[in-house]
Structures are given as structure tokens and as C-alpha cells.
Protein backbone atom coordinates (compact mmCIF):
# COMPACT_ATOMS: atom_id res chain seq x y z
CA ASP A 1 -20.80 -8.33 -24.03
CA GLN A 2 -17.92 -10.72 -24.72
CA ARG A 3 -18.02 -10.06 -28.47
CA GLN A 4 -17.55 -6.34 -27.86
CA LEU A 5 -14.48 -7.04 -25.73
CA ALA A 6 -12.96 -9.26 -28.39
CA LEU A 7 -13.75 -6.76 -31.16
CA CYS A 8 -12.26 -3.86 -29.21
CA MET A 9 -9.17 -5.93 -28.49
CA GLN A 10 -8.75 -6.59 -32.22
CA MET A 11 -9.21 -2.90 -33.01
CA LEU A 12 -6.67 -1.93 -30.37
CA GLU A 13 -4.10 -4.33 -31.80
CA VAL A 14 -4.57 -2.98 -35.33
CA ASP A 15 -4.75 0.71 -34.45
CA PRO A 16 -3.81 1.49 -30.86
CA SER A 17 -5.35 4.71 -29.63
CA PRO A 18 -5.95 6.28 -26.22
CA VAL A 19 -9.70 6.37 -26.89
CA ALA A 20 -9.89 2.66 -27.75
CA SER A 21 -7.70 1.63 -24.83
CA ASP A 22 -9.70 3.73 -22.37
CA TRP A 23 -12.95 2.28 -23.72
CA LEU A 24 -11.64 -1.27 -23.35
CA LEU A 25 -10.43 -0.68 -19.78
CA ARG A 26 -13.82 0.84 -18.88
CA LYS A 27 -15.60 -2.20 -20.37
CA LEU A 28 -13.39 -4.48 -18.28
CA GLU A 29 -14.40 -2.51 -15.18
CA SER A 30 -18.03 -3.59 -15.56
CA CYS A 31 -18.18 -6.68 -17.77
CA PRO A 32 -19.08 -10.13 -16.46
CA ILE A 33 -16.01 -11.95 -15.15
CA THR A 34 -15.59 -14.86 -17.54
CA PRO A 35 -12.67 -16.76 -19.06
CA VAL A 36 -13.02 -14.59 -22.19
CA SER A 37 -12.90 -11.30 -20.28
CA ARG A 38 -9.97 -12.57 -18.21
CA SER A 39 -8.07 -13.49 -21.36
CA VAL A 40 -8.71 -9.99 -22.72
CA LEU A 41 -7.41 -8.49 -19.46
CA ASP A 42 -4.29 -10.68 -19.62
CA ALA A 43 -3.71 -9.65 -23.25
CA VAL A 44 -4.14 -5.96 -22.44
CA ALA A 45 -1.70 -6.28 -19.52
CA ASP A 46 0.94 -8.08 -21.63
CA PRO A 47 3.85 -5.62 -21.97
CA GLN A 48 4.92 -7.36 -25.19
CA ARG A 49 1.65 -6.18 -26.74
CA PHE A 50 0.84 -2.88 -25.03
CA LEU A 51 2.57 -0.22 -22.99
CA TRP A 52 0.60 1.70 -20.39
CA PRO A 53 1.49 5.12 -19.04
CA ASP A 54 3.13 4.94 -15.66
CA PRO A 55 1.79 5.10 -12.98
CA ASP A 56 -1.89 5.46 -13.98
CA GLY A 57 -1.85 2.53 -16.39
CA TYR A 58 -0.41 0.21 -13.76
CA ARG A 59 -2.92 1.45 -11.20
CA ARG A 60 -5.83 0.78 -13.56
CA LEU A 61 -4.53 -2.71 -14.36
CA GLY A 62 -4.15 -3.37 -10.63
CA LEU A 63 -7.74 -2.33 -10.03
CA LEU A 64 -8.91 -4.63 -12.82
CA TYR A 65 -6.97 -7.61 -11.50
CA ARG A 66 -8.39 -6.93 -8.04
CA ARG A 67 -11.88 -6.88 -9.55
CA PHE A 68 -11.18 -10.21 -11.27
CA GLY A 69 -10.06 -11.68 -7.95
CA ASP A 70 -6.36 -11.98 -8.73
CA ILE A 71 -4.94 -10.20 -5.67
CA SER A 72 -1.37 -11.27 -6.42
CA ARG A 73 -1.41 -9.64 -9.87
CA ALA A 74 -3.26 -6.62 -8.45
CA ARG A 75 -0.56 -6.17 -5.83
CA GLU A 76 2.14 -6.50 -8.54
CA TYR A 77 0.61 -3.71 -10.62
CA PHE A 78 -0.07 -1.51 -7.59
CA SER A 79 3.60 -1.89 -6.69
CA ARG A 80 4.66 -0.85 -10.20
CA ALA A 81 2.38 2.18 -9.86
CA ARG A 82 4.32 3.14 -6.73
CA MET A 83 1.10 3.69 -4.80
CA PRO A 84 1.43 5.27 -1.36
CA ALA A 85 0.89 2.82 1.51
CA ALA A 86 -2.42 4.44 2.54
CA GLU A 87 -3.83 4.13 -0.99
CA LEU A 88 -2.57 0.57 -1.30
CA GLN A 89 -4.27 -0.31 1.99
CA ARG A 90 -7.50 1.29 0.79
CA GLU A 91 -7.45 -0.52 -2.58
CA LEU A 92 -6.61 -3.92 -1.12
CA GLY A 93 -8.97 -3.43 1.81
CA GLY A 94 -6.79 -5.26 4.31
CA ILE A 95 -6.24 -8.25 2.01
CA GLN A 96 -2.87 -9.77 2.73
């Protein structure tokens, strides 16, 4: 639900916690892809607002951008995660 995403985003900004951030990322893994959910993803990925542990955080963001259809941003985050070539090939599925 879009309201849950927005509420969790607000909670995360007020009181960042690993539990809240994990919950939000898991919601983004299965929510409908809409302009609202994309804006939440972009906000979560903004390094001025949140820092993610390297490399797992970058890998998770890459997977989310791939899910949302933004292969360029996915590739950018996969690169930051320093993914091995075989894993990168598997995650991008041959997408150039």
C-alpha cells in the first residue's frame, strides 16, 4: 500500500533504524510500481538522506532499481557493490 510506504519513509527519516530500513526495502521488493513507490525508492537511495552498508546496501538498491525497470541505475548500484562479473551477469540477465 502506498500509504504504508510513505509512512515508513517518514518514520525512517525521524528515527532511522535497521529494522525500519529493512522493512521498507522489503516493501519496495513487492509493492506495485507506481510514481509514489518510485519516489520512495529514489528518496531511500539518496546518499544525502541515508547511508547504506557497503556492499549489501548497494546490491539491494541495485536489485530494486532493476525491479523498477531502471537498468542504468541498477547497474550503477551493482558497480558500487563491487559484484563479481558472474553475479552481475545473473542479476542483469544479459541486459546490456
